[in-house]
Amino acid sequence: WLMDEGDIDADWARLSERFEGTGHIVGTQATFWQGKALAAGRKVHASLYARAAAGAENPGSGRYCEEVAVVTGASKGSIAASVVAQLLDGGATV
């Protein structure tokens, strides 16, 4: 909801790839938000949520898709937060 449709279109590839291989729970949430977006008439948002839902169910995607990391502390803007973001982007369970 925070991005307008033009921004989503401009950054479609990066946004849609972020959810690759993240699993069934993320896919279910994306499907929920797709329904909300459709009900609100936000077609571009709904398309992105649909793509995220489909990508989430793809096993074996991402550099860290088979990895699990336990992070014991991180704060906004810290190195740990940056590492966590990279692990999540790569499909790790964090």
PDB file of N, CA and C in Angstrom:
ATOM      1  N   TRP A   1       0.814  -1.193   0.000  1.00  0.00           N
ATOM      2  CA  TRP A   1       0.000   0.000   0.000  1.00  0.00           C
ATOM      3  C   TRP A   1       0.858   1.257   0.000  1.00  0.00           C
ATOM      4  N   LEU A   2       2.084   1.148   0.439  1.00  0.00           N
ATOM      5  CA  LEU A   2       2.911   2.334   0.601  1.00  0.00           C
ATOM      6  C   LEU A   2       3.509   2.851  -0.700  1.00  0.00           C
ATOM      7  N   MET A   3       3.517   2.053  -1.729  1.00  0.00           N
ATOM      8  CA  MET A   3       4.078   2.477  -3.011  1.00  0.00           C
ATOM      9  C   MET A   3       2.953   2.754  -3.997  1.00  0.00           C
ATOM     10  N   ASP A   4       3.159   3.762  -4.838  1.00  0.00           N
ATOM     11  CA  ASP A   4       2.148   3.970  -5.871  1.00  0.00           C
ATOM     12  C   ASP A   4       2.424   3.021  -7.039  1.00  0.00           C
ATOM     13  N   GLU A   5       1.464   2.903  -7.922  1.00  0.00           N
ATOM     14  CA  GLU A   5       1.550   1.910  -8.993  1.00  0.00           C
ATOM     15  C   GLU A   5       2.720   2.159  -9.935  1.00  0.00           C
ATOM     16  N   GLY A   6       3.048   3.411 -10.169  1.00  0.00           N
ATOM     17  CA  GLY A   6       4.187   3.730 -11.032  1.00  0.00           C
ATOM     18  C   GLY A   6       5.499   3.236 -10.448  1.00  0.00           C
ATOM     19  N   ASP A   7       5.663   3.375  -9.127  1.00  0.00           N
ATOM     20  CA  ASP A   7       6.876   2.889  -8.469  1.00  0.00           C
ATOM     21  C   ASP A   7       6.965   1.365  -8.529  1.00  0.00           C
ATOM     22  N   ILE A   8       5.826   0.701  -8.370  1.00  0.00           N
ATOM     23  CA  ILE A   8       5.810  -0.764  -8.463  1.00  0.00           C
ATOM     24  C   ILE A   8       6.206  -1.199  -9.868  1.00  0.00           C
ATOM     25  N   ASP A   9       5.625  -0.562 -10.874  1.00  0.00           N
ATOM     26  CA  ASP A   9       5.970  -0.899 -12.261  1.00  0.00           C
ATOM     27  C   ASP A   9       7.459  -0.706 -12.528  1.00  0.00           C
ATOM     28  N   ALA A  10       8.014   0.392 -12.019  1.00  0.00           N
ATOM     29  CA  ALA A  10       9.415   0.708 -12.271  1.00  0.00           C
ATOM     30  C   ALA A  10      10.365  -0.282 -11.605  1.00  0.00           C
ATOM     31  N   ASP A  11       9.938  -0.880 -10.498  1.00  0.00           N
ATOM     32  CA  ASP A  11      10.808  -1.763  -9.719  1.00  0.00           C
ATOM     33  C   ASP A  11      10.263  -3.187  -9.656  1.00  0.00           C
ATOM     34  N   TRP A  12       9.447  -3.553 -10.657  1.00  0.00           N
ATOM     35  CA  TRP A  12       8.729  -4.840 -10.651  1.00  0.00           C
ATOM     36  C   TRP A  12       9.647  -6.037 -10.431  1.00  0.00           C
ATOM     37  N   ALA A  13      10.739  -6.131 -11.189  1.00  0.00           N
ATOM     38  CA  ALA A  13      11.604  -7.317 -11.118  1.00  0.00           C
ATOM     39  C   ALA A  13      12.156  -7.521  -9.713  1.00  0.00           C
ATOM     40  N   ARG A  14      12.694  -6.480  -9.125  1.00  0.00           N
ATOM     41  CA  ARG A  14      13.278  -6.608  -7.785  1.00  0.00           C
ATOM     42  C   ARG A  14      12.223  -6.944  -6.749  1.00  0.00           C
ATOM     43  N   LEU A  15      11.090  -6.262  -6.818  1.00  0.00           N
ATOM     44  CA  LEU A  15      10.031  -6.506  -5.840  1.00  0.00           C
ATOM     45  C   LEU A  15       9.474  -7.919  -5.941  1.00  0.00           C
ATOM     46  N   SER A  16       9.257  -8.384  -7.140  1.00  0.00           N
ATOM     47  CA  SER A  16       8.649  -9.707  -7.302  1.00  0.00           C
ATOM     48  C   SER A  16       9.618 -10.832  -6.954  1.00  0.00           C
ATOM     49  N   GLU A  17      10.902 -10.638  -7.161  1.00  0.00           N
ATOM     50  CA  GLU A  17      11.888 -11.675  -6.868  1.00  0.00           C
ATOM     51  C   GLU A  17      12.176 -11.830  -5.383  1.00  0.00           C
ATOM     52  N   ARG A  18      11.854 -10.850  -4.588  1.00  0.00           N
ATOM     53  CA  ARG A  18      12.176 -10.895  -3.161  1.00  0.00           C
ATOM     54  C   ARG A  18      11.481 -12.023  -2.420  1.00  0.00           C
ATOM     55  N   PHE A  19      10.413 -12.560  -2.984  1.00  0.00           N
ATOM     56  CA  PHE A  19       9.625 -13.569  -2.281  1.00  0.00           C
ATOM     57  C   PHE A  19       9.879 -14.983  -2.783  1.00  0.00           C
ATOM     58  N   GLU A  20      10.807 -15.142  -3.712  1.00  0.00           N
ATOM     59  CA  GLU A  20      11.094 -16.462  -4.273  1.00  0.00           C
ATOM     60  C   GLU A  20      11.514 -17.439  -3.184  1.00  0.00           C
ATOM     61  N   GLY A  21      10.818 -18.571  -3.115  1.00  0.00           N
ATOM     62  CA  GLY A  21      11.188 -19.645  -2.212  1.00  0.00           C
ATOM     63  C   GLY A  21      10.989 -19.380  -0.737  1.00  0.00           C
ATOM     64  N   THR A  22      10.212 -18.365  -0.381  1.00  0.00           N
ATOM     65  CA  THR A  22      10.037 -18.040   1.033  1.00  0.00           C
ATOM     66  C   THR A  22       9.036 -18.941   1.741  1.00  0.00           C
ATOM     67  N   GLY A  23       8.283 -19.750   1.005  1.00  0.00           N
ATOM     68  CA  GLY A  23       7.451 -20.768   1.635  1.00  0.00           C
ATOM     69  C   GLY A  23       5.960 -20.508   1.612  1.00  0.00           C
ATOM     70  N   HIS A  24       5.252 -21.532   2.074  1.00  0.00           N
ATOM     71  CA  HIS A  24       3.792 -21.547   2.021  1.00  0.00           C
ATOM     72  C   HIS A  24       3.151 -20.431   2.858  1.00  0.00           C
ATOM     73  N   ILE A  25       3.683 -20.165   4.025  1.00  0.00           N
ATOM     74  CA  ILE A  25       3.076 -19.144   4.891  1.00  0.00           C
ATOM     75  C   ILE A  25       3.146 -17.773   4.229  1.00  0.00           C
ATOM     76  N   VAL A  26       4.282 -17.445   3.647  1.00  0.00           N
ATOM     77  CA  VAL A  26       4.415 -16.166   2.939  1.00  0.00           C
ATOM     78  C   VAL A  26       3.487 -16.147   1.734  1.00  0.00           C
ATOM     79  N   GLY A  27       3.384 -17.268   1.034  1.00  0.00           N
ATOM     80  CA  GLY A  27       2.469 -17.358  -0.103  1.00  0.00           C
ATOM     81  C   GLY A  27       1.023 -17.134   0.301  1.00  0.00           C
ATOM     82  N   THR A  28       0.633 -17.688   1.445  1.00  0.00           N
ATOM     83  CA  THR A  28      -0.728 -17.503   1.953  1.00  0.00           C
ATOM     84  C   THR A  28      -0.987 -16.039   2.289  1.00  0.00           C
ATOM     85  N   GLN A  29      -0.026 -15.386   2.928  1.00  0.00           N
ATOM     86  CA  GLN A  29      -0.173 -13.966   3.253  1.00  0.00           C
ATOM     87  C   GLN A  29      -0.273 -13.114   1.988  1.00  0.00           C
ATOM     88  N   ALA A  30       0.551 -13.428   0.999  1.00  0.00           N
ATOM     89  CA  ALA A  30       0.506 -12.675  -0.257  1.00  0.00           C
ATOM     90  C   ALA A  30      -0.845 -12.843  -0.944  1.00  0.00           C
ATOM     91  N   THR A  31      -1.406 -14.047  -0.886  1.00  0.00           N
ATOM     92  CA  THR A  31      -2.731 -14.286  -1.470  1.00  0.00           C
ATOM     93  C   THR A  31      -3.797 -13.486  -0.734  1.00  0.00           C
ATOM     94  N   PHE A  32      -3.692 -13.416   0.592  1.00  0.00           N
ATOM     95  CA  PHE A  32      -4.619 -12.609   1.393  1.00  0.00           C
ATOM     96  C   PHE A  32      -4.570 -11.147   0.946  1.00  0.00           C
ATOM     97  N   TRP A  33      -3.344 -10.605   0.826  1.00  0.00           N
ATOM     98  CA  TRP A  33      -3.205  -9.205   0.429  1.00  0.00           C
ATOM     99  C   TRP A  33      -3.601  -8.974  -1.024  1.00  0.00           C
ATOM    100  N   GLN A  34      -3.467  -9.987  -1.855  1.00  0.00           N
ATOM    101  CA  GLN A  34      -3.952  -9.876  -3.230  1.00  0.00           C
ATOM    102  C   GLN A  34      -5.457  -9.640  -3.225  1.00  0.00           C
ATOM    103  N   GLY A  35      -6.180 -10.389  -2.405  1.00  0.00           N
ATOM    104  CA  GLY A  35      -7.629 -10.204  -2.295  1.00  0.00           C
ATOM    105  C   GLY A  35      -7.991  -8.813  -1.808  1.00  0.00           C
ATOM    106  N   LYS A  36      -7.255  -8.327  -0.808  1.00  0.00           N
ATOM    107  CA  LYS A  36      -7.496  -6.971  -0.291  1.00  0.00           C
ATOM    108  C   LYS A  36      -7.257  -5.928  -1.383  1.00  0.00           C
ATOM    109  N   ALA A  37      -6.180  -6.112  -2.140  1.00  0.00           N
ATOM    110  CA  ALA A  37      -5.856  -5.162  -3.205  1.00  0.00           C
ATOM    111  C   ALA A  37      -6.915  -5.174  -4.298  1.00  0.00           C
ATOM    112  N   LEU A  38      -7.385  -6.357  -4.671  1.00  0.00           N
ATOM    113  CA  LEU A  38      -8.443  -6.446  -5.682  1.00  0.00           C
ATOM    114  C   LEU A  38      -9.712  -5.763  -5.202  1.00  0.00           C
ATOM    115  N   ALA A  39     -10.063  -5.980  -3.938  1.00  0.00           N
ATOM    116  CA  ALA A  39     -11.267  -5.362  -3.379  1.00  0.00           C
ATOM    117  C   ALA A  39     -11.160  -3.840  -3.357  1.00  0.00           C
ATOM    118  N   ALA A  40      -9.938  -3.336  -3.216  1.00  0.00           N
ATOM    119  CA  ALA A  40      -9.722  -1.892  -3.177  1.00  0.00           C
ATOM    120  C   ALA A  40      -9.487  -1.304  -4.568  1.00  0.00           C
ATOM    121  N   GLY A  41      -9.507  -2.143  -5.604  1.00  0.00           N
ATOM    122  CA  GLY A  41      -9.298  -1.657  -6.961  1.00  0.00           C
ATOM    123  C   GLY A  41      -7.852  -1.375  -7.309  1.00  0.00           C
ATOM    124  N   ARG A  42      -6.933  -1.927  -6.567  1.00  0.00           N
ATOM    125  CA  ARG A  42      -5.500  -1.720  -6.803  1.00  0.00           C
ATOM    126  C   ARG A  42      -4.953  -2.886  -7.622  1.00  0.00           C
ATOM    127  N   LYS A  43      -5.122  -2.808  -8.923  1.00  0.00           N
ATOM    128  CA  LYS A  43      -4.789  -3.931  -9.799  1.00  0.00           C
ATOM    129  C   LYS A  43      -3.292  -4.219  -9.865  1.00  0.00           C
ATOM    130  N   VAL A  44      -2.466  -3.190  -9.891  1.00  0.00           N
ATOM    131  CA  VAL A  44      -1.021  -3.411  -9.960  1.00  0.00           C
ATOM    132  C   VAL A  44      -0.527  -4.049  -8.667  1.00  0.00           C
ATOM    133  N   HIS A  45      -1.036  -3.559  -7.533  1.00  0.00           N
ATOM    134  CA  HIS A  45      -0.677  -4.164  -6.251  1.00  0.00           C
ATOM    135  C   HIS A  45      -1.108  -5.628  -6.225  1.00  0.00           C
ATOM    136  N   ALA A  46      -2.323  -5.898  -6.689  1.00  0.00           N
ATOM    137  CA  ALA A  46      -2.834  -7.272  -6.705  1.00  0.00           C
ATOM    138  C   ALA A  46      -1.958  -8.169  -7.570  1.00  0.00           C
ATOM    139  N   SER A  47      -1.505  -7.660  -8.696  1.00  0.00           N
ATOM    140  CA  SER A  47      -0.622  -8.445  -9.567  1.00  0.00           C
ATOM    141  C   SER A  47       0.696  -8.766  -8.874  1.00  0.00           C
ATOM    142  N   LEU A  48       1.235  -7.789  -8.161  1.00  0.00           N
ATOM    143  CA  LEU A  48       2.483  -8.024  -7.440  1.00  0.00           C
ATOM    144  C   LEU A  48       2.283  -9.064  -6.342  1.00  0.00           C
ATOM    145  N   TYR A  49       1.186  -8.969  -5.608  1.00  0.00           N
ATOM    146  CA  TYR A  49       0.909  -9.966  -4.563  1.00  0.00           C
ATOM    147  C   TYR A  49       0.727 -11.352  -5.166  1.00  0.00           C
ATOM    148  N   ALA A  50       0.083 -11.439  -6.318  1.00  0.00           N
ATOM    149  CA  ALA A  50      -0.091 -12.733  -6.985  1.00  0.00           C
ATOM    150  C   ALA A  50       1.261 -13.310  -7.382  1.00  0.00           C
ATOM    151  N   ARG A  51       2.131 -12.474  -7.909  1.00  0.00           N
ATOM    152  CA  ARG A  51       3.479 -12.921  -8.289  1.00  0.00           C
ATOM    153  C   ARG A  51       4.262 -13.355  -7.059  1.00  0.00           C
ATOM    154  N   ALA A  52       4.128 -12.605  -5.963  1.00  0.00           N
ATOM    155  CA  ALA A  52       4.812 -12.971  -4.721  1.00  0.00           C
ATOM    156  C   ALA A  52       4.312 -14.311  -4.202  1.00  0.00           C
ATOM    157  N   ALA A  53       3.001 -14.532  -4.269  1.00  0.00           N
ATOM    158  CA  ALA A  53       2.424 -15.797  -3.798  1.00  0.00           C
ATOM    159  C   ALA A  53       2.946 -16.969  -4.617  1.00  0.00           C
ATOM    160  N   ALA A  54       2.995 -16.804  -5.918  1.00  0.00           N
ATOM    161  CA  ALA A  54       3.493 -17.880  -6.781  1.00  0.00           C
ATOM    162  C   ALA A  54       4.976 -18.135  -6.534  1.00  0.00           C
ATOM    163  N   GLY A  55       5.743 -17.085  -6.411  1.00  0.00           N
ATOM    164  CA  GLY A  55       7.179 -17.232  -6.177  1.00  0.00           C
ATOM    165  C   GLY A  55       7.502 -17.833  -4.829  1.00  0.00           C
ATOM    166  N   ALA A  56       6.695 -17.516  -3.836  1.00  0.00           N
ATOM    167  CA  ALA A  56       6.935 -18.044  -2.494  1.00  0.00           C
ATOM    168  C   ALA A  56       6.851 -19.561  -2.464  1.00  0.00           C
ATOM    169  N   GLU A  57       6.004 -20.121  -3.302  1.00  0.00           N
ATOM    170  CA  GLU A  57       5.807 -21.573  -3.326  1.00  0.00           C
ATOM    171  C   GLU A  57       6.878 -22.312  -4.127  1.00  0.00           C
ATOM    172  N   ASN A  58       7.787 -21.595  -4.780  1.00  0.00           N
ATOM    173  CA  ASN A  58       8.853 -22.232  -5.562  1.00  0.00           C
ATOM    174  C   ASN A  58       9.977 -22.683  -4.635  1.00  0.00           C
ATOM    175  N   PRO A  59      10.118 -23.981  -4.406  1.00  0.00           N
ATOM    176  CA  PRO A  59      11.190 -24.446  -3.523  1.00  0.00           C
ATOM    177  C   PRO A  59      12.551 -24.332  -4.202  1.00  0.00           C
ATOM    178  N   GLY A  60      13.557 -24.197  -3.388  1.00  0.00           N
ATOM    179  CA  GLY A  60      14.915 -24.213  -3.913  1.00  0.00           C
ATOM    180  C   GLY A  60      15.350 -22.940  -4.594  1.00  0.00           C
ATOM    181  N   SER A  61      14.637 -21.854  -4.408  1.00  0.00           N
ATOM    182  CA  SER A  61      15.026 -20.592  -5.014  1.00  0.00           C
ATOM    183  C   SER A  61      15.839 -19.780  -4.018  1.00  0.00           C
ATOM    184  N   GLY A  62      16.785 -19.072  -4.497  1.00  0.00           N
ATOM    185  CA  GLY A  62      17.558 -18.179  -3.650  1.00  0.00           C
ATOM    186  C   GLY A  62      18.866 -18.804  -3.191  1.00  0.00           C
ATOM    187  N   ARG A  63      19.813 -17.947  -2.994  1.00  0.00           N
ATOM    188  CA  ARG A  63      21.165 -18.354  -2.611  1.00  0.00           C
ATOM    189  C   ARG A  63      21.204 -19.085  -1.271  1.00  0.00           C
ATOM    190  N   TYR A  64      20.337 -18.684  -0.339  1.00  0.00           N
ATOM    191  CA  TYR A  64      20.358 -19.252   1.008  1.00  0.00           C
ATOM    192  C   TYR A  64      19.107 -20.069   1.317  1.00  0.00           C
ATOM    193  N   CYS A  65      18.460 -20.616   0.303  1.00  0.00           N
ATOM    194  CA  CYS A  65      17.159 -21.263   0.489  1.00  0.00           C
ATOM    195  C   CYS A  65      17.196 -22.450   1.444  1.00  0.00           C
ATOM    196  N   GLU A  66      18.324 -23.104   1.598  1.00  0.00           N
ATOM    197  CA  GLU A  66      18.426 -24.260   2.491  1.00  0.00           C
ATOM    198  C   GLU A  66      19.007 -23.894   3.851  1.00  0.00           C
ATOM    199  N   GLU A  67      19.210 -22.611   4.098  1.00  0.00           N
ATOM    200  CA  GLU A  67      19.887 -22.175   5.316  1.00  0.00           C
ATOM    201  C   GLU A  67      18.912 -21.653   6.362  1.00  0.00           C
ATOM    202  N   VAL A  68      19.281 -21.860   7.626  1.00  0.00           N
ATOM    203  CA  VAL A  68      18.542 -21.323   8.762  1.00  0.00           C
ATOM    204  C   VAL A  68      19.527 -20.521   9.591  1.00  0.00           C
ATOM    205  N   ALA A  69      19.150 -19.304   9.968  1.00  0.00           N
ATOM    206  CA  ALA A  69      20.017 -18.460  10.783  1.00  0.00           C
ATOM    207  C   ALA A  69      19.257 -17.991  12.013  1.00  0.00           C
ATOM    208  N   VAL A  70      19.940 -17.995  13.149  1.00  0.00           N
ATOM    209  CA  VAL A  70      19.371 -17.467  14.381  1.00  0.00           C
ATOM    210  C   VAL A  70      20.133 -16.192  14.700  1.00  0.00           C
ATOM    211  N   VAL A  71      19.430 -15.090  14.752  1.00  0.00           N
ATOM    212  CA  VAL A  71      20.045 -13.798  15.034  1.00  0.00           C
ATOM    213  C   VAL A  71      19.635 -13.397  16.440  1.00  0.00           C
ATOM    214  N   THR A  72      20.620 -13.179  17.289  1.00  0.00           N
ATOM    215  CA  THR A  72      20.318 -12.893  18.693  1.00  0.00           C
ATOM    216  C   THR A  72      20.201 -11.412  18.999  1.00  0.00           C
ATOM    217  N   GLY A  73      20.532 -10.577  18.059  1.00  0.00           N
ATOM    218  CA  GLY A  73      20.379  -9.151  18.302  1.00  0.00           C
ATOM    219  C   GLY A  73      20.658  -8.343  17.053  1.00  0.00           C
ATOM    220  N   ALA A  74      19.807  -7.382  16.811  1.00  0.00           N
ATOM    221  CA  ALA A  74      19.993  -6.474  15.683  1.00  0.00           C
ATOM    222  C   ALA A  74      19.168  -5.232  15.962  1.00  0.00           C
ATOM    223  N   SER A  75      19.676  -4.104  15.559  1.00  0.00           N
ATOM    224  CA  SER A  75      18.911  -2.868  15.700  1.00  0.00           C
ATOM    225  C   SER A  75      18.863  -2.171  14.347  1.00  0.00           C
ATOM    226  N   LYS A  76      17.927  -1.268  14.225  1.00  0.00           N
ATOM    227  CA  LYS A  76      17.730  -0.569  12.960  1.00  0.00           C
ATOM    228  C   LYS A  76      19.038   0.086  12.511  1.00  0.00           C
ATOM    229  N   GLY A  77      19.412  -0.198  11.272  1.00  0.00           N
ATOM    230  CA  GLY A  77      20.612   0.398  10.705  1.00  0.00           C
ATOM    231  C   GLY A  77      21.911  -0.308  11.072  1.00  0.00           C
ATOM    232  N   SER A  78      21.839  -1.389  11.837  1.00  0.00           N
ATOM    233  CA  SER A  78      23.052  -2.089  12.265  1.00  0.00           C
ATOM    234  C   SER A  78      23.562  -3.030  11.180  1.00  0.00           C
ATOM    235  N   ILE A  79      24.781  -3.488  11.358  1.00  0.00           N
ATOM    236  CA  ILE A  79      25.342  -4.470  10.439  1.00  0.00           C
ATOM    237  C   ILE A  79      24.519  -5.745  10.492  1.00  0.00           C
ATOM    238  N   ALA A  80      24.106  -6.153  11.689  1.00  0.00           N
ATOM    239  CA  ALA A  80      23.299  -7.370  11.836  1.00  0.00           C
ATOM    240  C   ALA A  80      21.991  -7.260  11.059  1.00  0.00           C
ATOM    241  N   ALA A  81      21.355  -6.104  11.108  1.00  0.00           N
ATOM    242  CA  ALA A  81      20.101  -5.913  10.369  1.00  0.00           C
ATOM    243  C   ALA A  81      20.341  -6.029   8.866  1.00  0.00           C
ATOM    244  N   SER A  82      21.459  -5.517   8.407  1.00  0.00           N
ATOM    245  CA  SER A  82      21.803  -5.620   6.989  1.00  0.00           C
ATOM    246  C   SER A  82      22.042  -7.075   6.584  1.00  0.00           C
ATOM    247  N   VAL A  83      22.729  -7.822   7.436  1.00  0.00           N
ATOM    248  CA  VAL A  83      22.982  -9.238   7.155  1.00  0.00           C
ATOM    249  C   VAL A  83      21.669 -10.011   7.123  1.00  0.00           C
ATOM    250  N   VAL A  84      20.782  -9.737   8.081  1.00  0.00           N
ATOM    251  CA  VAL A  84      19.472 -10.399   8.113  1.00  0.00           C
ATOM    252  C   VAL A  84      18.705 -10.110   6.829  1.00  0.00           C
ATOM    253  N   ALA A  85      18.712  -8.867   6.383  1.00  0.00           N
ATOM    254  CA  ALA A  85      18.007  -8.506   5.148  1.00  0.00           C
ATOM    255  C   ALA A  85      18.560  -9.283   3.959  1.00  0.00           C
ATOM    256  N   GLN A  86      19.873  -9.423   3.885  1.00  0.00           N
ATOM    257  CA  GLN A  86      20.479 -10.167   2.780  1.00  0.00           C
ATOM    258  C   GLN A  86      20.125 -11.649   2.849  1.00  0.00           C
ATOM    259  N   LEU A  87      20.103 -12.213   4.061  1.00  0.00           N
ATOM    260  CA  LEU A  87      19.727 -13.617   4.214  1.00  0.00           C
ATOM    261  C   LEU A  87      18.282 -13.843   3.794  1.00  0.00           C
ATOM    262  N   LEU A  88      17.399 -12.958   4.226  1.00  0.00           N
ATOM    263  CA  LEU A  88      15.989 -13.085   3.855  1.00  0.00           C
ATOM    264  C   LEU A  88      15.804 -12.939   2.350  1.00  0.00           C
ATOM    265  N   ASP A  89      16.490 -11.985   1.758  1.00  0.00           N
ATOM    266  CA  ASP A  89      16.413 -11.809   0.304  1.00  0.00           C
ATOM    267  C   ASP A  89      16.888 -13.055  -0.437  1.00  0.00           C
ATOM    268  N   GLY A  90      17.825 -13.778   0.169  1.00  0.00           N
ATOM    269  CA  GLY A  90      18.350 -14.985  -0.450  1.00  0.00           C
ATOM    270  C   GLY A  90      17.551 -16.234  -0.150  1.00  0.00           C
ATOM    271  N   GLY A  91      16.439 -16.097   0.586  1.00  0.00           N
ATOM    272  CA  GLY A  91      15.566 -17.233   0.844  1.00  0.00           C
ATOM    273  C   GLY A  91      15.814 -17.974   2.137  1.00  0.00           C
ATOM    274  N   ALA A  92      16.689 -17.472   2.994  1.00  0.00           N
ATOM    275  CA  ALA A  92      16.972 -18.148   4.262  1.00  0.00           C
ATOM    276  C   ALA A  92      15.796 -18.016   5.224  1.00  0.00           C
ATOM    277  N   THR A  93      15.723 -18.958   6.140  1.00  0.00           N
ATOM    278  CA  THR A  93      14.788 -18.856   7.257  1.00  0.00           C
ATOM    279  C   THR A  93      15.551 -18.188   8.385  1.00  0.00           C
ATOM    280  N   VAL A  94      15.083 -17.015   8.813  1.00  0.00           N
ATOM    281  CA  VAL A  94      15.792 -16.249   9.843  1.00  0.00           C
ATOM    282  C   VAL A  94      14.855 -16.012  11.001  1.00  0.00           C
TER     283      VAL A  94
END
